[in-house]
């Protein structure tokens, strides 16, 4: 199965007989035969657990697309290109980049207006917010009548 049909927020997988990336009414058919971005599972799982703002997350995805999407660990990307692709106003891009660089999620190198950007692959260095973890269930209950704690 190579295609996904997105219609009214309903995603259903279609067989390989689906047409190539065509718009049908309010549907868009996406086909990996037209391209895809290869990303390590550990990176995606770490991003799923991060408490990033919407702008931060969109910028991270944009940089993943502009680097890993072209089989590069980092690349020169203009701020205007990041703004256009992420939908973030250009006046906010530098602030978001600074926060992600300070948090060591994003790597930035170079001088001048166009710098190299990439995702820091050393997830243990990321400092923005602690990764969300599952809370252990409370295994003790206090009996209201006796005021004693019992393990479940």
C-alpha atoms as a PDB file:
ATOM      1  CA  UNK A   1       0.000   0.000   0.000  1.00  0.00           C
ATOM      2  CA  UNK A   2       1.582   3.222  -1.133  1.00  0.00           C
ATOM      3  CA  UNK A   3      -1.159   5.839  -0.987  1.00  0.00           C
ATOM      4  CA  UNK A   4      -3.246   7.588   1.613  1.00  0.00           C
ATOM      5  CA  UNK A   5      -6.594   9.286   0.987  1.00  0.00           C
ATOM      6  CA  UNK A   6      -7.223  12.279   3.236  1.00  0.00           C
ATOM      7  CA  UNK A   7     -10.823  13.449   3.278  1.00  0.00           C
ATOM      8  CA  UNK A   8     -12.493  15.323   6.113  1.00  0.00           C
ATOM      9  CA  UNK A   9      -9.708  14.255   8.490  1.00  0.00           C
ATOM     10  CA  UNK A  10     -10.376  10.597   7.671  1.00  0.00           C
ATOM     11  CA  UNK A  11      -7.284   8.691   6.582  1.00  0.00           C
ATOM     12  CA  UNK A  12      -7.788   5.413   4.804  1.00  0.00           C
ATOM     13  CA  UNK A  13      -5.198   3.415   2.946  1.00  0.00           C
ATOM     14  CA  UNK A  14      -5.786   2.743  -0.716  1.00  0.00           C
ATOM     15  CA  UNK A  15      -4.323   0.056  -2.899  1.00  0.00           C
ATOM     16  CA  UNK A  16      -1.590   0.760  -5.420  1.00  0.00           C
ATOM     17  CA  UNK A  17      -4.298   1.209  -8.089  1.00  0.00           C
ATOM     18  CA  UNK A  18      -4.958   4.776  -6.882  1.00  0.00           C
ATOM     19  CA  UNK A  19      -4.205   7.654  -9.225  1.00  0.00           C
ATOM     20  CA  UNK A  20      -1.041   9.760  -8.940  1.00  0.00           C
ATOM     21  CA  UNK A  21      -1.227  12.659  -6.425  1.00  0.00           C
ATOM     22  CA  UNK A  22      -4.462  14.095  -7.813  1.00  0.00           C
ATOM     23  CA  UNK A  23      -6.921  16.400  -6.108  1.00  0.00           C
ATOM     24  CA  UNK A  24     -10.441  14.999  -6.111  1.00  0.00           C
ATOM     25  CA  UNK A  25     -12.915  17.448  -4.608  1.00  0.00           C
ATOM     26  CA  UNK A  26     -11.799  17.948  -1.025  1.00  0.00           C
ATOM     27  CA  UNK A  27      -9.444  14.947  -1.131  1.00  0.00           C
ATOM     28  CA  UNK A  28      -5.741  14.830  -1.772  1.00  0.00           C
ATOM     29  CA  UNK A  29      -4.159  11.516  -2.547  1.00  0.00           C
ATOM     30  CA  UNK A  30      -0.589  11.169  -1.298  1.00  0.00           C
ATOM     31  CA  UNK A  31       1.688   8.581  -2.877  1.00  0.00           C
ATOM     32  CA  UNK A  32       5.154   7.677  -1.591  1.00  0.00           C
ATOM     33  CA  UNK A  33       6.149   6.880  -5.167  1.00  0.00           C
ATOM     34  CA  UNK A  34       6.291  10.681  -5.597  1.00  0.00           C
ATOM     35  CA  UNK A  35       8.880  10.922  -2.809  1.00  0.00           C
ATOM     36  CA  UNK A  36       9.274  10.543   0.915  1.00  0.00           C
ATOM     37  CA  UNK A  37      11.597  11.638   3.693  1.00  0.00           C
ATOM     38  CA  UNK A  38      13.545   8.941   5.502  1.00  0.00           C
ATOM     39  CA  UNK A  39      13.786   9.702   9.230  1.00  0.00           C
ATOM     40  CA  UNK A  40      15.136   7.538  12.057  1.00  0.00           C
ATOM     41  CA  UNK A  41      12.430   6.084  14.298  1.00  0.00           C
ATOM     42  CA  UNK A  42      14.278   7.279  17.432  1.00  0.00           C
ATOM     43  CA  UNK A  43      14.159  10.860  16.169  1.00  0.00           C
ATOM     44  CA  UNK A  44      10.437  10.719  15.456  1.00  0.00           C
ATOM     45  CA  UNK A  45       9.729   9.082  18.809  1.00  0.00           C
ATOM     46  CA  UNK A  46      11.733  11.775  20.633  1.00  0.00           C
ATOM     47  CA  UNK A  47       9.839  14.513  18.762  1.00  0.00           C
ATOM     48  CA  UNK A  48       6.524  12.871  19.681  1.00  0.00           C
ATOM     49  CA  UNK A  49       7.444  13.238  23.359  1.00  0.00           C
ATOM     50  CA  UNK A  50       8.788  16.798  23.183  1.00  0.00           C
ATOM     51  CA  UNK A  51       6.689  19.711  24.339  1.00  0.00           C
ATOM     52  CA  UNK A  52       7.392  22.014  21.403  1.00  0.00           C
ATOM     53  CA  UNK A  53       5.298  25.009  20.423  1.00  0.00           C
ATOM     54  CA  UNK A  54       3.502  24.833  17.093  1.00  0.00           C
ATOM     55  CA  UNK A  55       6.090  27.115  15.471  1.00  0.00           C
ATOM     56  CA  UNK A  56       8.986  25.087  16.880  1.00  0.00           C
ATOM     57  CA  UNK A  57       7.508  21.814  15.676  1.00  0.00           C
ATOM     58  CA  UNK A  58       6.753  23.209  12.199  1.00  0.00           C
ATOM     59  CA  UNK A  59      10.292  24.551  11.894  1.00  0.00           C
ATOM     60  CA  UNK A  60      11.805  21.220  12.995  1.00  0.00           C
ATOM     61  CA  UNK A  61       9.682  19.403  10.396  1.00  0.00           C
ATOM     62  CA  UNK A  62      10.694  21.938   7.740  1.00  0.00           C
ATOM     63  CA  UNK A  63      14.381  21.421   8.484  1.00  0.00           C
ATOM     64  CA  UNK A  64      13.923  17.643   8.490  1.00  0.00           C
ATOM     65  CA  UNK A  65      12.302  17.925   5.053  1.00  0.00           C
ATOM     66  CA  UNK A  66      14.998  20.264   3.687  1.00  0.00           C
ATOM     67  CA  UNK A  67      17.845  18.065   4.964  1.00  0.00           C
ATOM     68  CA  UNK A  68      16.863  14.409   5.373  1.00  0.00           C
ATOM     69  CA  UNK A  69      14.418  14.821   2.488  1.00  0.00           C
ATOM     70  CA  UNK A  70      17.432  15.411   0.245  1.00  0.00           C
ATOM     71  CA  UNK A  71      19.625  12.798   1.977  1.00  0.00           C
ATOM     72  CA  UNK A  72      21.730  15.412   3.796  1.00  0.00           C
ATOM     73  CA  UNK A  73      22.450  15.754   7.529  1.00  0.00           C
ATOM     74  CA  UNK A  74      22.514  19.582   7.148  1.00  0.00           C
ATOM     75  CA  UNK A  75      22.100  22.156   4.399  1.00  0.00           C
ATOM     76  CA  UNK A  76      22.237  25.880   3.643  1.00  0.00           C
ATOM     77  CA  UNK A  77      18.701  27.240   3.982  1.00  0.00           C
ATOM     78  CA  UNK A  78      17.597  30.873   3.705  1.00  0.00           C
ATOM     79  CA  UNK A  79      15.295  32.266   6.397  1.00  0.00           C
ATOM     80  CA  UNK A  80      12.794  33.218   3.692  1.00  0.00           C
ATOM     81  CA  UNK A  81      12.713  29.598   2.519  1.00  0.00           C
ATOM     82  CA  UNK A  82      12.112  28.372   6.085  1.00  0.00           C
ATOM     83  CA  UNK A  83       9.324  30.954   6.472  1.00  0.00           C
ATOM     84  CA  UNK A  84       7.662  30.022   3.182  1.00  0.00           C
ATOM     85  CA  UNK A  85       7.761  26.290   3.787  1.00  0.00           C
ATOM     86  CA  UNK A  86       6.748  26.363   7.476  1.00  0.00           C
ATOM     87  CA  UNK A  87       4.100  29.062   7.194  1.00  0.00           C
ATOM     88  CA  UNK A  88       5.792  31.004  10.005  1.00  0.00           C
ATOM     89  CA  UNK A  89       6.131  34.745   9.434  1.00  0.00           C
ATOM     90  CA  UNK A  90       9.714  35.643   8.585  1.00  0.00           C
ATOM     91  CA  UNK A  91       9.905  38.072  11.520  1.00  0.00           C
ATOM     92  CA  UNK A  92       9.435  35.114  13.932  1.00  0.00           C
ATOM     93  CA  UNK A  93      11.810  32.618  12.273  1.00  0.00           C
ATOM     94  CA  UNK A  94      15.007  33.903  13.938  1.00  0.00           C
ATOM     95  CA  UNK A  95      13.432  33.727  17.408  1.00  0.00           C
ATOM     96  CA  UNK A  96      12.250  30.148  16.879  1.00  0.00           C
ATOM     97  CA  UNK A  97      15.630  29.114  15.458  1.00  0.00           C
ATOM     98  CA  UNK A  98      17.454  30.668  18.439  1.00  0.00           C
ATOM     99  CA  UNK A  99      15.287  28.744  20.910  1.00  0.00           C
ATOM    100  CA  UNK A 100      15.827  25.442  19.078  1.00  0.00           C
ATOM    101  CA  UNK A 101      19.603  26.074  18.776  1.00  0.00           C
ATOM    102  CA  UNK A 102      19.849  27.018  22.472  1.00  0.00           C
ATOM    103  CA  UNK A 103      17.965  23.805  23.260  1.00  0.00           C
ATOM    104  CA  UNK A 104      20.426  21.849  21.099  1.00  0.00           C
ATOM    105  CA  UNK A 105      17.621  20.349  19.011  1.00  0.00           C
ATOM    106  CA  UNK A 106      18.789  22.316  15.997  1.00  0.00           C
ATOM    107  CA  UNK A 107      22.355  22.732  14.730  1.00  0.00           C
ATOM    108  CA  UNK A 108      23.340  26.015  13.019  1.00  0.00           C
ATOM    109  CA  UNK A 109      26.677  26.718  11.346  1.00  0.00           C
ATOM    110  CA  UNK A 110      28.144  29.491   9.251  1.00  0.00           C
ATOM    111  CA  UNK A 111      28.367  33.243   8.890  1.00  0.00           C
ATOM    112  CA  UNK A 112      26.296  35.598   6.785  1.00  0.00           C
ATOM    113  CA  UNK A 113      22.642  35.606   5.844  1.00  0.00           C
ATOM    114  CA  UNK A 114      22.353  31.969   4.754  1.00  0.00           C
ATOM    115  CA  UNK A 115      23.499  29.432   7.321  1.00  0.00           C
ATOM    116  CA  UNK A 116      23.594  25.650   7.461  1.00  0.00           C
ATOM    117  CA  UNK A 117      20.891  23.995   9.543  1.00  0.00           C
ATOM    118  CA  UNK A 118      20.355  20.430  10.640  1.00  0.00           C
ATOM    119  CA  UNK A 119      18.725  18.401  13.381  1.00  0.00           C
ATOM    120  CA  UNK A 120      21.022  17.412  16.246  1.00  0.00           C
ATOM    121  CA  UNK A 121      21.067  13.597  16.041  1.00  0.00           C
ATOM    122  CA  UNK A 122      22.330  13.312  19.648  1.00  0.00           C
ATOM    123  CA  UNK A 123      18.919  13.340  21.303  1.00  0.00           C
ATOM    124  CA  UNK A 124      20.425  13.092  24.796  1.00  0.00           C
ATOM    125  CA  UNK A 125      21.805  16.640  24.299  1.00  0.00           C
ATOM    126  CA  UNK A 126      18.363  18.154  23.668  1.00  0.00           C
ATOM    127  CA  UNK A 127      17.514  20.569  26.484  1.00  0.00           C
ATOM    128  CA  UNK A 128      14.237  22.309  25.610  1.00  0.00           C
ATOM    129  CA  UNK A 129      11.909  20.403  27.860  1.00  0.00           C
ATOM    130  CA  UNK A 130      12.105  17.012  29.427  1.00  0.00           C
ATOM    131  CA  UNK A 131      10.725  14.258  27.289  1.00  0.00           C
ATOM    132  CA  UNK A 132       7.244  13.250  28.334  1.00  0.00           C
ATOM    133  CA  UNK A 133       7.193   9.916  30.062  1.00  0.00           C
ATOM    134  CA  UNK A 134       4.357   7.758  31.231  1.00  0.00           C
ATOM    135  CA  UNK A 135       3.458   8.225  34.847  1.00  0.00           C
ATOM    136  CA  UNK A 136       3.498   5.064  36.874  1.00  0.00           C
ATOM    137  CA  UNK A 137      -0.024   4.230  38.014  1.00  0.00           C
ATOM    138  CA  UNK A 138      -0.766   4.893  41.668  1.00  0.00           C
ATOM    139  CA  UNK A 139      -0.690   1.427  43.191  1.00  0.00           C
ATOM    140  CA  UNK A 140      -1.745   2.493  46.659  1.00  0.00           C
ATOM    141  CA  UNK A 141      -5.200   3.357  47.877  1.00  0.00           C
ATOM    142  CA  UNK A 142      -6.198   4.794  51.225  1.00  0.00           C
ATOM    143  CA  UNK A 143      -9.220   3.173  52.798  1.00  0.00           C
ATOM    144  CA  UNK A 144     -11.639   5.936  53.820  1.00  0.00           C
ATOM    145  CA  UNK A 145     -12.981   3.899  56.746  1.00  0.00           C
ATOM    146  CA  UNK A 146      -9.714   2.684  58.213  1.00  0.00           C
ATOM    147  CA  UNK A 147      -7.249   5.356  56.985  1.00  0.00           C
ATOM    148  CA  UNK A 148      -4.725   2.710  55.999  1.00  0.00           C
ATOM    149  CA  UNK A 149      -2.799   2.385  52.799  1.00  0.00           C
ATOM    150  CA  UNK A 150      -3.085  -0.840  50.819  1.00  0.00           C
ATOM    151  CA  UNK A 151      -1.239  -1.998  47.708  1.00  0.00           C
ATOM    152  CA  UNK A 152      -3.411  -2.976  44.781  1.00  0.00           C
END
